[in-house]
Amino acid sequence: MQHVARMSACRGAMAQQLNQLAPSCSSSLFTNPFRIQSVRSFSPSLHVVACRRSSIRCSSSSHSGDSEKPAVGFLGLGIMGTAMATNLIRAGGGASPADIASQCNITFAMLADPAAALEVASGKGGVIHGLGPCKGYVDVSTVDGETSKTISGLVKATGASFLEAPVSGSKKPAEDGTLIFLTAGDKQLYEQAAPLLDIMGKSRFYLGEVGNGAAMKLIVNMIMGSMMASFSEGLVLGNKIGLDPNTIVEVISQGAISAPMFSMKGPSMVNKKFSPAFPLKHQQKDLRLALQLAEAVSQSVPVAASANELYKVAKCKGLGDQDFSAVIEAIISK
């Protein structure tokens, strides 16, 4: 499953940190701590975290024996997944994805791209092989609508429920538990998972049919990528004519076009520091998927198309693993 290589692996130190947090879980909710496992059948290792029990209840009376406090699993401990799973652990909330899904009533997954999401869901040892009635699969990956619908169909064929729940927010909001969940799919699973979503996020939207959550996320990230490209152009142009780029950031932060992203990213961009909160390669992937969405409905998006070309240039310069704000380097080089 080589596509999983595109997802950041959880470092050993982070695994230790997550396990150290486990004893602080309320004893009224958990009898066993969360455990970090490395999925050896994936290359490189797909790290997962699974908890034996949570306070989420399953409505199916046929599973009353173990449904009062079902387990919660989380697949994919990269930049975003680690922070999200950590918040579940703080609140108290297998050897393969299938094993995790079979042990857990609700399984979350945060994967890097559509190929990885499909592989973890349906490949050898994939999630669907451990699903069944009274189980739910919540995919918080950013994928296109067709991929989400495909995964939904595979999950529902097992008798389980599916919820797509891509998030708006990067590393810091994930750490702070202030993500925005853009959900669609099974309404009952949405209601069952709501307490967990509220631990990891500040708000959640239910958007109806599967595919709507994916579309909303792609539109949000299309706008974000275009904004960052335009912001970068302004900083580069200002610097070229002798204006202090730090002053440009300050002026923008006090005006009508002020945005938290500009205030947060601006200083590090001026200092050419691009520690990844949201990798540039993922921003370019989301722009590509957004352009495909627009093409499917014959909608012109020329600004996003131009921005996508800049991110492609930045990737060619070896900046794919840097923060997406590193797109400024593609403009400087022109």
Protein backbone atom coordinates (compact mmCIF):
# COMPACT_ATOMS: atom_id res chain seq x y z
CA MET A 1 0.00 0.00 0.00
CA GLN A 2 2.55 2.47 -1.21
CA HIS A 3 0.16 5.42 -1.36
CA VAL A 4 0.12 5.54 2.43
CA ALA A 5 3.73 6.68 2.13
CA ARG A 6 2.32 10.11 1.35
CA MET A 7 0.99 10.38 4.90
CA SER A 8 3.34 11.61 7.64
CA ALA A 9 4.28 8.88 10.11
CA CYS A 10 3.89 9.46 13.83
CA ARG A 11 7.25 9.73 15.57
CA GLY A 12 8.12 7.45 18.46
CA ALA A 13 8.24 10.38 20.84
CA MET A 14 4.68 11.33 19.93
CA ALA A 15 3.57 7.75 20.50
CA GLN A 16 5.06 7.91 23.99
CA GLN A 17 3.35 11.23 24.61
CA LEU A 18 -0.03 9.80 23.61
CA ASN A 19 0.40 6.79 25.87
CA GLN A 20 1.49 9.04 28.75
CA LEU A 21 -1.77 10.91 28.37
CA ALA A 22 -3.84 7.75 28.60
CA PRO A 23 -3.72 7.27 32.40
CA SER A 24 -5.38 10.67 32.83
CA CYS A 25 -8.55 9.34 31.17
CA SER A 26 -11.53 9.15 33.47
CA SER A 27 -11.79 5.69 34.99
CA SER A 28 -15.56 5.88 34.63
CA LEU A 29 -15.14 5.82 30.85
CA PHE A 30 -12.15 3.57 30.25
CA THR A 31 -10.89 0.28 31.62
CA ASN A 32 -7.83 0.12 29.35
CA PRO A 33 -5.58 2.92 28.07
CA PHE A 34 -5.27 4.03 24.49
CA ARG A 35 -2.59 2.14 22.68
CA ILE A 36 -0.40 3.18 19.78
CA GLN A 37 0.15 0.47 17.17
CA SER A 38 2.23 0.36 14.02
CA VAL A 39 0.45 -1.30 11.11
CA ARG A 40 3.24 -3.40 9.62
CA SER A 41 1.32 -4.37 6.49
CA PHE A 42 1.51 -0.76 5.33
CA SER A 43 4.72 0.84 4.05
CA PRO A 44 5.83 2.95 5.74
CA SER A 45 4.02 2.17 8.96
CA LEU A 46 0.49 3.47 9.36
CA HIS A 47 0.18 4.43 13.01
CA VAL A 48 -3.16 3.99 14.73
CA VAL A 49 -4.58 4.64 18.17
CA ALA A 50 -7.40 2.62 19.65
CA CYS A 51 -9.25 2.98 22.92
CA ARG A 52 -11.17 0.16 24.48
CA ARG A 53 -14.16 2.13 25.68
CA SER A 54 -15.94 5.45 25.30
CA SER A 55 -19.21 6.99 26.40
CA ILE A 56 -20.77 6.85 22.91
CA ARG A 57 -23.76 4.51 22.81
CA CYS A 58 -24.89 2.31 19.93
CA SER A 59 -28.61 2.28 19.29
CA SER A 60 -28.78 -1.31 18.04
CA SER A 61 -30.39 -3.51 20.68
CA SER A 62 -28.85 -6.60 19.09
CA HIS A 63 -25.43 -5.46 20.24
CA SER A 64 -26.31 -4.50 23.78
CA GLY A 65 -23.62 -6.67 25.27
CA ASP A 66 -20.75 -4.42 24.23
CA SER A 67 -22.52 -1.34 22.88
CA GLU A 68 -22.96 0.69 26.03
CA LYS A 69 -19.36 1.83 25.93
CA PRO A 70 -17.98 0.97 22.49
CA ALA A 71 -14.39 1.47 21.52
CA VAL A 72 -13.12 4.33 19.39
CA GLY A 73 -10.29 3.94 16.87
CA PHE A 74 -8.25 6.50 14.94
CA LEU A 75 -6.33 5.62 11.78
CA GLY A 76 -3.60 7.96 10.56
CA LEU A 77 -1.38 9.81 13.02
CA GLY A 78 0.19 12.44 10.82
CA ILE A 79 0.27 16.19 11.52
CA MET A 80 -3.52 16.43 11.83
CA GLY A 81 -4.41 12.94 13.04
CA THR A 82 -2.00 13.02 15.97
CA ALA A 83 -3.43 16.27 17.29
CA MET A 84 -7.02 15.12 16.84
CA ALA A 85 -6.43 11.75 18.53
CA THR A 86 -4.59 13.48 21.38
CA ASN A 87 -7.68 15.56 22.13
CA LEU A 88 -9.79 12.39 22.25
CA ILE A 89 -7.32 10.89 24.72
CA ARG A 90 -7.30 13.97 26.93
CA ALA A 91 -11.08 13.82 27.10
CA GLY A 92 -10.99 10.11 27.62
CA GLY A 93 -12.32 9.54 24.36
CA GLY A 94 -4.94 -4.07 16.04
CA ALA A 95 -2.46 -4.93 13.77
CA SER A 96 -4.34 -3.59 10.72
CA PRO A 97 -7.14 -1.13 9.90
CA ALA A 98 -9.49 -4.11 9.74
CA ASP A 99 -8.47 -5.19 13.25
CA ILE A 100 -9.02 -1.70 14.61
CA ALA A 101 -12.42 -1.44 12.93
CA SER A 102 -13.46 -4.85 14.26
CA GLN A 103 -12.58 -3.79 17.83
CA CYS A 104 -14.19 -0.36 17.61
CA ASN A 105 -17.75 0.82 17.19
CA ILE A 106 -16.60 4.11 15.68
CA THR A 107 -13.39 4.34 13.65
CA PHE A 108 -11.94 7.64 12.45
CA ALA A 109 -9.44 7.99 9.60
CA MET A 110 -7.30 10.95 8.52
CA LEU A 111 -5.38 10.10 5.35
CA ALA A 112 -3.29 12.18 2.97
CA ASP A 113 -5.15 11.80 -0.32
CA PRO A 114 -7.88 9.86 -2.17
CA ALA A 115 -5.57 6.94 -3.03
CA ALA A 116 -4.54 6.48 0.60
CA ALA A 117 -8.14 6.85 1.81
CA LEU A 118 -9.32 4.14 -0.60
CA GLU A 119 -6.45 1.81 0.25
CA VAL A 120 -6.96 2.05 3.99
CA ALA A 121 -10.70 1.57 3.53
CA SER A 122 -10.73 -1.31 1.06
CA GLY A 123 -7.23 -2.69 0.48
CA LYS A 124 -5.77 -5.85 1.98
CA GLY A 125 -6.48 -5.66 5.70
CA GLY A 126 -8.56 -2.55 5.06
CA VAL A 127 -11.27 -1.12 7.28
CA ILE A 128 -14.23 -2.68 5.48
CA HIS A 129 -12.96 -6.16 6.39
CA GLY A 130 -13.52 -5.34 10.05
CA LEU A 131 -16.83 -3.51 9.75
CA GLY A 132 -20.37 -4.76 10.23
CA PRO A 133 -23.75 -3.77 11.68
CA CYS A 134 -23.67 -1.28 14.56
CA LYS A 135 -20.27 0.04 13.51
CA GLY A 136 -19.43 3.41 12.04
CA TYR A 137 -16.62 4.73 9.88
CA VAL A 138 -15.87 8.46 9.95
CA ASP A 139 -13.43 9.60 7.26
CA VAL A 140 -12.02 13.05 8.00
CA SER A 141 -9.60 12.97 5.06
CA THR A 142 -9.79 15.60 2.31
CA VAL A 143 -10.82 13.71 -0.82
CA ASP A 144 -13.01 14.32 -3.86
CA GLY A 145 -16.72 13.59 -3.73
CA GLU A 146 -16.52 10.52 -5.96
CA THR A 147 -13.91 8.92 -3.72
CA SER A 148 -16.05 9.64 -0.68
CA LYS A 149 -19.09 8.09 -2.37
CA THR A 150 -17.08 5.01 -3.31
CA ILE A 151 -15.90 4.52 0.27
CA SER A 152 -19.44 5.10 1.52
CA GLY A 153 -20.78 2.37 -0.75
CA LEU A 154 -18.11 -0.08 0.38
CA VAL A 155 -18.78 0.67 4.04
CA LYS A 156 -22.57 0.46 3.75
CA ALA A 157 -22.28 -2.88 1.96
CA THR A 158 -20.93 -4.34 5.23
CA GLY A 159 -23.97 -3.12 7.17
CA ALA A 160 -21.97 -0.33 8.82
CA SER A 161 -22.63 3.41 8.66
CA PHE A 162 -20.49 6.04 6.95
CA LEU A 163 -19.89 9.71 7.65
CA GLU A 164 -17.55 11.94 5.69
CA ALA A 165 -16.20 14.67 7.94
CA PRO A 166 -13.33 16.63 6.36
CA VAL A 167 -12.07 19.45 8.54
CA SER A 168 -11.33 23.11 8.03
CA GLY A 169 -8.21 23.93 10.01
CA SER A 170 -4.57 22.94 10.17
CA LYS A 171 -2.09 21.82 12.84
CA LYS A 172 -2.75 24.50 15.49
CA PRO A 173 -6.58 24.24 15.40
CA ALA A 174 -6.19 20.44 15.50
CA GLU A 175 -4.02 20.76 18.62
CA ASP A 176 -6.41 23.25 20.22
CA GLY A 177 -9.53 21.26 19.39
CA THR A 178 -10.94 24.11 17.30
CA LEU A 179 -11.41 22.41 13.94
CA ILE A 180 -14.55 22.87 11.85
CA PHE A 181 -16.13 19.58 10.74
CA LEU A 182 -17.90 19.51 7.37
CA THR A 183 -19.94 16.34 7.59
CA ALA A 184 -22.31 14.45 5.31
CA GLY A 185 -23.73 10.97 5.21
CA ASP A 186 -25.48 8.88 7.84
CA LYS A 187 -27.39 11.25 10.13
CA GLN A 188 -27.59 8.79 13.01
CA LEU A 189 -23.84 8.24 12.96
CA TYR A 190 -23.39 12.01 12.87
CA GLU A 191 -25.44 12.31 16.06
CA GLN A 192 -23.59 9.42 17.72
CA ALA A 193 -20.20 10.87 16.82
CA ALA A 194 -21.14 14.45 17.74
CA PRO A 195 -19.62 14.32 21.27
CA LEU A 196 -16.31 13.17 19.76
CA LEU A 197 -16.43 15.80 17.03
CA ASP A 198 -17.04 18.41 19.72
CA ILE A 199 -13.88 17.32 21.52
CA MET A 200 -11.80 17.80 18.39
CA GLY A 201 -13.57 20.84 16.95
CA LYS A 202 -15.32 24.10 17.74
CA SER A 203 -18.17 23.63 15.28
CA ARG A 204 -19.71 21.06 12.97
CA PHE A 205 -21.99 21.27 9.96
CA TYR A 206 -24.21 18.51 8.63
CA LEU A 207 -24.51 18.98 4.87
CA GLY A 208 -26.72 16.10 3.79
CA GLU A 209 -25.69 13.53 1.19
CA VAL A 210 -22.21 12.04 0.95
CA GLY A 211 -20.09 14.18 -1.33
CA ASN A 212 -21.33 17.51 0.00
CA GLY A 213 -18.78 17.52 2.81
CA ALA A 214 -15.96 16.81 0.38
CA ALA A 215 -17.17 19.55 -1.98
CA MET A 216 -17.40 22.12 0.82
CA LYS A 217 -13.86 21.31 1.98
CA LEU A 218 -12.45 21.61 -1.53
CA ILE A 219 -14.13 24.99 -2.00
CA VAL A 220 -12.74 26.23 1.33
CA ASN A 221 -9.23 25.07 0.46
CA MET A 222 -9.49 26.43 -3.07
CA ILE A 223 -10.22 29.87 -1.62
CA MET A 224 -7.46 29.49 0.97
CA GLY A 225 -4.85 28.50 -1.60
CA SER A 226 -5.79 31.39 -3.86
CA MET A 227 -5.66 33.84 -0.95
CA MET A 228 -2.20 32.67 0.06
CA ALA A 229 -0.92 33.01 -3.50
CA SER A 230 -2.26 36.57 -3.77
CA PHE A 231 -0.89 37.47 -0.33
CA SER A 232 2.51 36.16 -1.41
CA GLU A 233 2.42 38.30 -4.54
CA GLY A 234 1.71 41.38 -2.44
CA LEU A 235 4.62 40.72 -0.09
CA VAL A 236 7.03 40.08 -2.96
CA LEU A 237 5.92 43.15 -4.94
CA GLY A 238 6.08 45.39 -1.88
CA ASN A 239 9.55 44.19 -1.00
CA LYS A 240 10.67 44.71 -4.62
CA ILE A 241 9.74 48.40 -4.52
CA GLY A 242 11.29 48.97 -1.11
CA LEU A 243 8.38 48.58 1.32
CA ASP A 244 8.96 46.76 4.60
CA PRO A 245 7.10 43.43 4.28
CA ASN A 246 6.47 43.38 8.04
CA THR A 247 4.68 46.71 7.70
CA ILE A 248 2.63 45.29 4.83
CA VAL A 249 1.50 42.45 7.09
CA GLU A 250 0.58 44.92 9.84
CA VAL A 251 -1.36 47.19 7.48
CA ILE A 252 -3.31 44.24 6.08
CA SER A 253 -4.08 42.93 9.58
CA GLN A 254 -5.81 46.21 10.47
CA GLY A 255 -7.89 46.63 7.32
CA ALA A 256 -10.98 45.21 5.70
CA ILE A 257 -9.05 42.30 4.17
CA SER A 258 -7.63 41.21 7.52
CA ALA A 259 -7.57 37.44 7.94
CA PRO A 260 -6.09 35.31 10.73
CA MET A 261 -4.12 33.39 8.11
CA PHE A 262 -2.29 36.53 6.98
CA SER A 263 -1.41 37.61 10.51
CA MET A 264 -0.27 34.11 11.48
CA LYS A 265 1.68 33.22 8.34
CA GLY A 266 3.01 36.65 7.34
CA PRO A 267 5.91 37.00 9.84
CA SER A 268 7.24 33.50 9.15
CA MET A 269 6.98 34.08 5.39
CA VAL A 270 9.02 37.28 5.72
CA ASN A 271 11.66 35.29 7.62
CA LYS A 272 11.50 32.41 5.12
CA LYS A 273 10.47 29.89 7.76
CA PHE A 274 7.97 27.35 6.52
CA SER A 275 7.50 24.79 9.29
CA PRO A 276 4.61 22.68 7.99
CA ALA A 277 1.20 23.18 9.56
CA PHE A 278 -0.44 22.30 6.25
CA PRO A 279 2.03 20.86 3.70
CA LEU A 280 2.21 22.60 0.35
CA LYS A 281 1.79 19.30 -1.51
CA HIS A 282 -1.60 18.82 0.15
CA GLN A 283 -2.70 22.35 -0.74
CA GLN A 284 -1.80 21.69 -4.38
CA LYS A 285 -3.65 18.37 -4.24
CA ASP A 286 -6.77 20.13 -2.95
CA LEU A 287 -6.54 22.78 -5.67
CA ARG A 288 -6.25 20.02 -8.26
CA LEU A 289 -9.34 18.29 -6.88
CA ALA A 290 -11.24 21.59 -6.75
CA LEU A 291 -10.39 22.25 -10.40
CA GLN A 292 -11.68 18.79 -11.28
CA LEU A 293 -14.89 19.56 -9.39
CA ALA A 294 -15.30 22.82 -11.30
CA GLU A 295 -14.64 21.12 -14.64
CA ALA A 296 -17.27 18.49 -13.88
CA VAL A 297 -19.96 21.21 -13.69
CA SER A 298 -18.44 23.41 -16.43
CA GLN A 299 -17.61 26.25 -14.05
CA SER A 300 -14.64 28.50 -14.81
CA VAL A 301 -12.30 29.17 -11.85
CA PRO A 302 -9.41 31.09 -13.42
CA VAL A 303 -7.98 32.48 -10.17
CA ALA A 304 -7.75 29.02 -8.61
CA ALA A 305 -6.27 27.62 -11.82
CA SER A 306 -3.51 30.24 -11.78
CA ALA A 307 -2.84 29.61 -8.09
CA ASN A 308 -2.56 25.88 -8.77
CA GLU A 309 0.22 26.53 -11.28
CA LEU A 310 2.20 28.45 -8.64
CA TYR A 311 1.90 25.59 -6.16
CA LYS A 312 3.06 23.17 -8.86
CA VAL A 313 6.14 25.34 -9.42
CA ALA A 314 6.80 25.35 -5.66
CA LYS A 315 6.54 21.54 -5.58
CA CYS A 316 9.06 21.32 -8.42
CA LYS A 317 11.41 23.45 -6.30
CA GLY A 318 11.29 20.77 -3.60
CA LEU A 319 8.93 22.64 -1.26
CA GLY A 320 6.15 20.05 -1.16
CA ASP A 321 6.76 19.07 2.46
CA GLN A 322 7.08 22.68 3.64
CA ASP A 323 4.10 24.74 4.78
CA PHE A 324 1.84 25.86 1.95
CA SER A 325 2.91 29.46 2.62
CA ALA A 326 6.20 28.48 0.95
CA VAL A 327 4.39 29.17 -2.34
CA ILE A 328 5.92 32.64 -1.97
CA GLU A 329 9.22 31.09 -3.06
CA ALA A 330 7.69 30.21 -6.42
CA ILE A 331 6.87 33.90 -6.96
CA ILE A 332 10.28 35.14 -5.82
CA SER A 333 11.99 32.80 -8.28
CA LYS A 334 10.11 34.20 -11.28
